[in-house]
């Protein structure tokens, strides 16, 4: 189901189903079986998995909307990788409801350890066939087929004058950023 095809009923799941998804999600993070048991349990949660995939230790795949994740044959998600396909921001536009996207990791793609893939609301994030994402990368835009992407090191971007607290609207946080002057 693509985000454009979704209606509000998708955000209304039974409490039992929500708890079950979280219990299965915890088991997948702890139990062995990177190519067997973990993919099986994620399928039970609703993750779309085609063929044989590798899901490393402590990988987090979208708890609230596991059906928003698609893993294609031969893809690999290394240790502590995180895939997030929804945001729970509370603002006037979405009336406090979570807004979801979709993440597709195509055939033979490789996602390095501790990487984070995050889909924008209403969008599909695609890691192209045969692409390689280096360790500790944060990916929020599509990765073309057969490319290597990653970051070399973290750097200071701006001063945050408005703390990003739980109750802080993200727009207020963004408005409070002050870029550092380069020397």
Protein backbone atom coordinates (compact mmCIF):
# COMPACT_ATOMS: atom_id res chain seq x y z
CA UNK A 1 0.00 0.00 0.00
CA UNK A 2 1.48 3.32 -1.02
CA UNK A 3 1.05 6.36 1.26
CA UNK A 4 -1.22 8.04 -1.29
CA UNK A 5 -3.52 4.99 -1.15
CA UNK A 6 -3.76 5.04 2.65
CA UNK A 7 -6.64 6.45 4.59
CA UNK A 8 -7.08 7.31 8.24
CA UNK A 9 -8.06 3.70 9.04
CA UNK A 10 -4.42 2.74 8.70
CA UNK A 11 -3.56 4.78 11.77
CA UNK A 12 -6.29 3.01 13.78
CA UNK A 13 -4.91 -0.41 14.72
CA UNK A 14 -6.17 -2.58 17.51
CA UNK A 15 -4.23 -2.42 20.73
CA UNK A 16 -3.52 -6.14 20.39
CA UNK A 17 -1.96 -5.67 16.93
CA UNK A 18 0.14 -2.73 18.09
CA UNK A 19 1.44 -4.69 21.11
CA UNK A 20 2.06 -7.77 18.97
CA UNK A 21 4.10 -5.72 16.45
CA UNK A 22 6.25 -4.37 19.26
CA UNK A 23 6.79 -7.78 20.90
CA UNK A 24 7.73 -9.34 17.55
CA UNK A 25 9.94 -6.34 16.83
CA UNK A 26 11.80 -6.81 20.13
CA UNK A 27 12.25 -10.52 19.43
CA UNK A 28 13.71 -9.78 15.99
CA UNK A 29 16.26 -7.46 17.57
CA UNK A 30 17.38 -10.07 20.13
CA UNK A 31 17.04 -13.50 18.51
CA UNK A 32 19.50 -15.10 16.07
CA UNK A 33 18.72 -15.98 12.47
CA UNK A 34 19.72 -13.04 10.25
CA UNK A 35 18.49 -14.82 7.10
CA UNK A 36 15.86 -17.10 8.65
CA UNK A 37 14.11 -16.29 11.95
CA UNK A 38 14.35 -12.48 11.86
CA UNK A 39 12.90 -12.13 8.35
CA UNK A 40 10.14 -14.62 9.27
CA UNK A 41 9.15 -12.61 12.36
CA UNK A 42 9.23 -9.33 10.42
CA UNK A 43 6.92 -10.87 7.81
CA UNK A 44 4.50 -11.70 10.64
CA UNK A 45 4.65 -8.02 11.66
CA UNK A 46 3.69 -6.94 8.12
CA UNK A 47 7.08 -6.02 6.62
CA UNK A 48 7.11 -6.94 2.91
CA UNK A 49 10.08 -9.21 2.33
CA UNK A 50 10.77 -10.72 -1.09
CA UNK A 51 13.24 -13.59 -1.32
CA UNK A 52 16.22 -14.04 0.99
CA UNK A 53 17.41 -11.00 2.96
CA UNK A 54 19.95 -10.41 5.75
CA UNK A 55 18.77 -8.55 8.86
CA UNK A 56 21.61 -7.99 11.34
CA UNK A 57 21.52 -7.83 15.13
CA UNK A 58 19.47 -5.08 16.79
CA UNK A 59 17.99 -3.76 13.52
CA UNK A 60 14.92 -1.55 14.08
CA UNK A 61 12.24 -1.72 11.38
CA UNK A 62 9.32 0.69 11.79
CA UNK A 63 7.19 -0.35 14.80
CA UNK A 64 3.97 1.51 14.11
CA UNK A 65 3.66 0.83 10.35
CA UNK A 66 5.82 -2.21 9.49
CA UNK A 67 3.82 -2.61 6.28
CA UNK A 68 5.53 0.61 5.09
CA UNK A 69 8.85 -1.26 4.75
CA UNK A 70 9.76 -3.39 1.71
CA UNK A 71 12.94 -5.46 1.55
CA UNK A 72 13.81 -7.08 -1.77
CA UNK A 73 15.81 -10.23 -2.49
CA UNK A 74 19.48 -10.13 -1.53
CA UNK A 75 19.38 -6.87 0.42
CA UNK A 76 21.38 -6.60 3.64
CA UNK A 77 20.71 -4.46 6.71
CA UNK A 78 23.73 -4.51 9.02
CA UNK A 79 23.86 -4.29 12.83
CA UNK A 80 21.82 -1.54 14.51
CA UNK A 81 20.40 -0.10 11.32
CA UNK A 82 17.16 1.87 11.78
CA UNK A 83 14.32 2.30 9.24
CA UNK A 84 11.68 4.89 10.16
CA UNK A 85 8.72 5.46 7.86
CA UNK A 86 6.60 7.74 10.00
CA UNK A 87 6.81 10.85 12.10
CA UNK A 88 4.64 11.55 15.09
CA UNK A 89 4.80 15.30 14.96
CA UNK A 90 1.87 17.18 16.35
CA UNK A 91 0.87 20.22 14.36
CA UNK A 92 -2.15 21.86 12.76
CA UNK A 93 -1.59 20.24 9.36
CA UNK A 94 -1.87 16.62 10.53
CA UNK A 95 -4.05 17.20 13.62
CA UNK A 96 -1.55 15.41 15.87
CA UNK A 97 -1.65 12.12 13.90
CA UNK A 98 1.38 10.28 12.68
CA UNK A 99 2.21 10.81 9.02
CA UNK A 100 3.88 7.92 7.22
CA UNK A 101 6.04 7.39 4.23
CA UNK A 102 7.43 4.22 2.72
CA UNK A 103 10.92 2.69 2.51
CA UNK A 104 12.02 0.28 -0.22
CA UNK A 105 15.42 -1.41 -0.07
CA UNK A 106 15.84 -2.91 -3.54
CA UNK A 107 17.51 -6.11 -4.67
CA UNK A 108 21.13 -6.64 -3.57
CA UNK A 109 21.36 -3.27 -1.78
CA UNK A 110 23.64 -3.06 1.26
CA UNK A 111 23.02 -0.77 4.26
CA UNK A 112 26.00 -0.44 6.61
CA UNK A 113 26.00 -0.67 10.40
CA UNK A 114 24.19 1.99 12.46
CA UNK A 115 22.76 3.72 9.42
CA UNK A 116 19.39 5.47 9.62
CA UNK A 117 16.90 5.50 6.74
CA UNK A 118 14.00 7.88 7.21
CA UNK A 119 11.14 8.50 4.77
CA UNK A 120 9.52 11.91 4.48
CA UNK A 121 5.79 11.98 5.17
CA UNK A 122 3.83 10.83 2.13
CA UNK A 123 7.01 9.94 0.19
CA UNK A 124 8.79 6.73 -0.77
CA UNK A 125 12.50 6.47 0.06
CA UNK A 126 14.24 4.01 -2.26
CA UNK A 127 17.67 2.47 -1.83
CA UNK A 128 18.37 1.40 -5.40
CA UNK A 129 19.33 -2.03 -6.62
CA UNK A 130 22.94 -2.87 -5.81
CA UNK A 131 23.53 0.42 -3.94
CA UNK A 132 25.85 0.52 -0.93
CA UNK A 133 25.23 2.81 2.05
CA UNK A 134 28.33 3.19 4.24
CA UNK A 135 28.22 2.71 8.02
CA UNK A 136 26.71 5.46 10.20
CA UNK A 137 25.01 7.21 7.28
CA UNK A 138 21.73 9.09 7.56
CA UNK A 139 19.68 8.69 4.39
CA UNK A 140 16.57 10.79 3.74
CA UNK A 141 16.65 10.94 -0.08
CA UNK A 142 16.68 8.23 -2.72
CA UNK A 143 19.94 6.41 -3.40
CA UNK A 144 20.41 5.62 -7.12
CA UNK A 145 21.09 2.09 -8.32
CA UNK A 146 24.66 0.78 -8.11
CA UNK A 147 26.07 3.77 -6.20
CA UNK A 148 28.11 4.13 -3.01
CA UNK A 149 26.82 6.79 -0.60
CA UNK A 150 27.90 7.89 2.85
CA UNK A 151 29.43 10.61 4.94
CA UNK A 152 33.06 11.11 5.85
CA UNK A 153 32.55 12.69 9.30
CA UNK A 154 30.14 14.76 11.36
CA UNK A 155 30.55 18.54 11.40
CA UNK A 156 29.02 21.46 13.29
CA UNK A 157 26.15 22.96 11.29
CA UNK A 158 24.45 25.61 13.43
CA UNK A 159 23.72 26.91 16.91
CA UNK A 160 20.40 25.59 18.26
CA UNK A 161 18.86 28.52 20.14
CA UNK A 162 15.53 26.72 20.68
CA UNK A 163 15.89 23.35 22.46
CA UNK A 164 14.24 20.43 20.65
CA UNK A 165 12.05 19.23 23.52
CA UNK A 166 9.14 16.83 23.23
CA UNK A 167 6.67 19.71 23.28
CA UNK A 168 8.65 21.94 20.88
CA UNK A 169 7.12 22.19 17.40
CA UNK A 170 9.76 21.26 14.85
CA UNK A 171 9.09 24.48 12.93
CA UNK A 172 10.04 26.50 16.06
CA UNK A 173 13.27 24.51 16.40
CA UNK A 174 14.14 25.18 12.75
CA UNK A 175 13.38 28.89 13.13
CA UNK A 176 15.79 29.03 16.08
CA UNK A 177 18.80 27.65 14.18
CA UNK A 178 21.65 30.12 13.64
CA UNK A 179 24.31 29.06 11.11
CA UNK A 180 27.91 29.36 12.27
CA UNK A 181 30.11 31.70 10.29
CA UNK A 182 32.88 29.89 8.49
CA UNK A 183 36.41 31.13 9.06
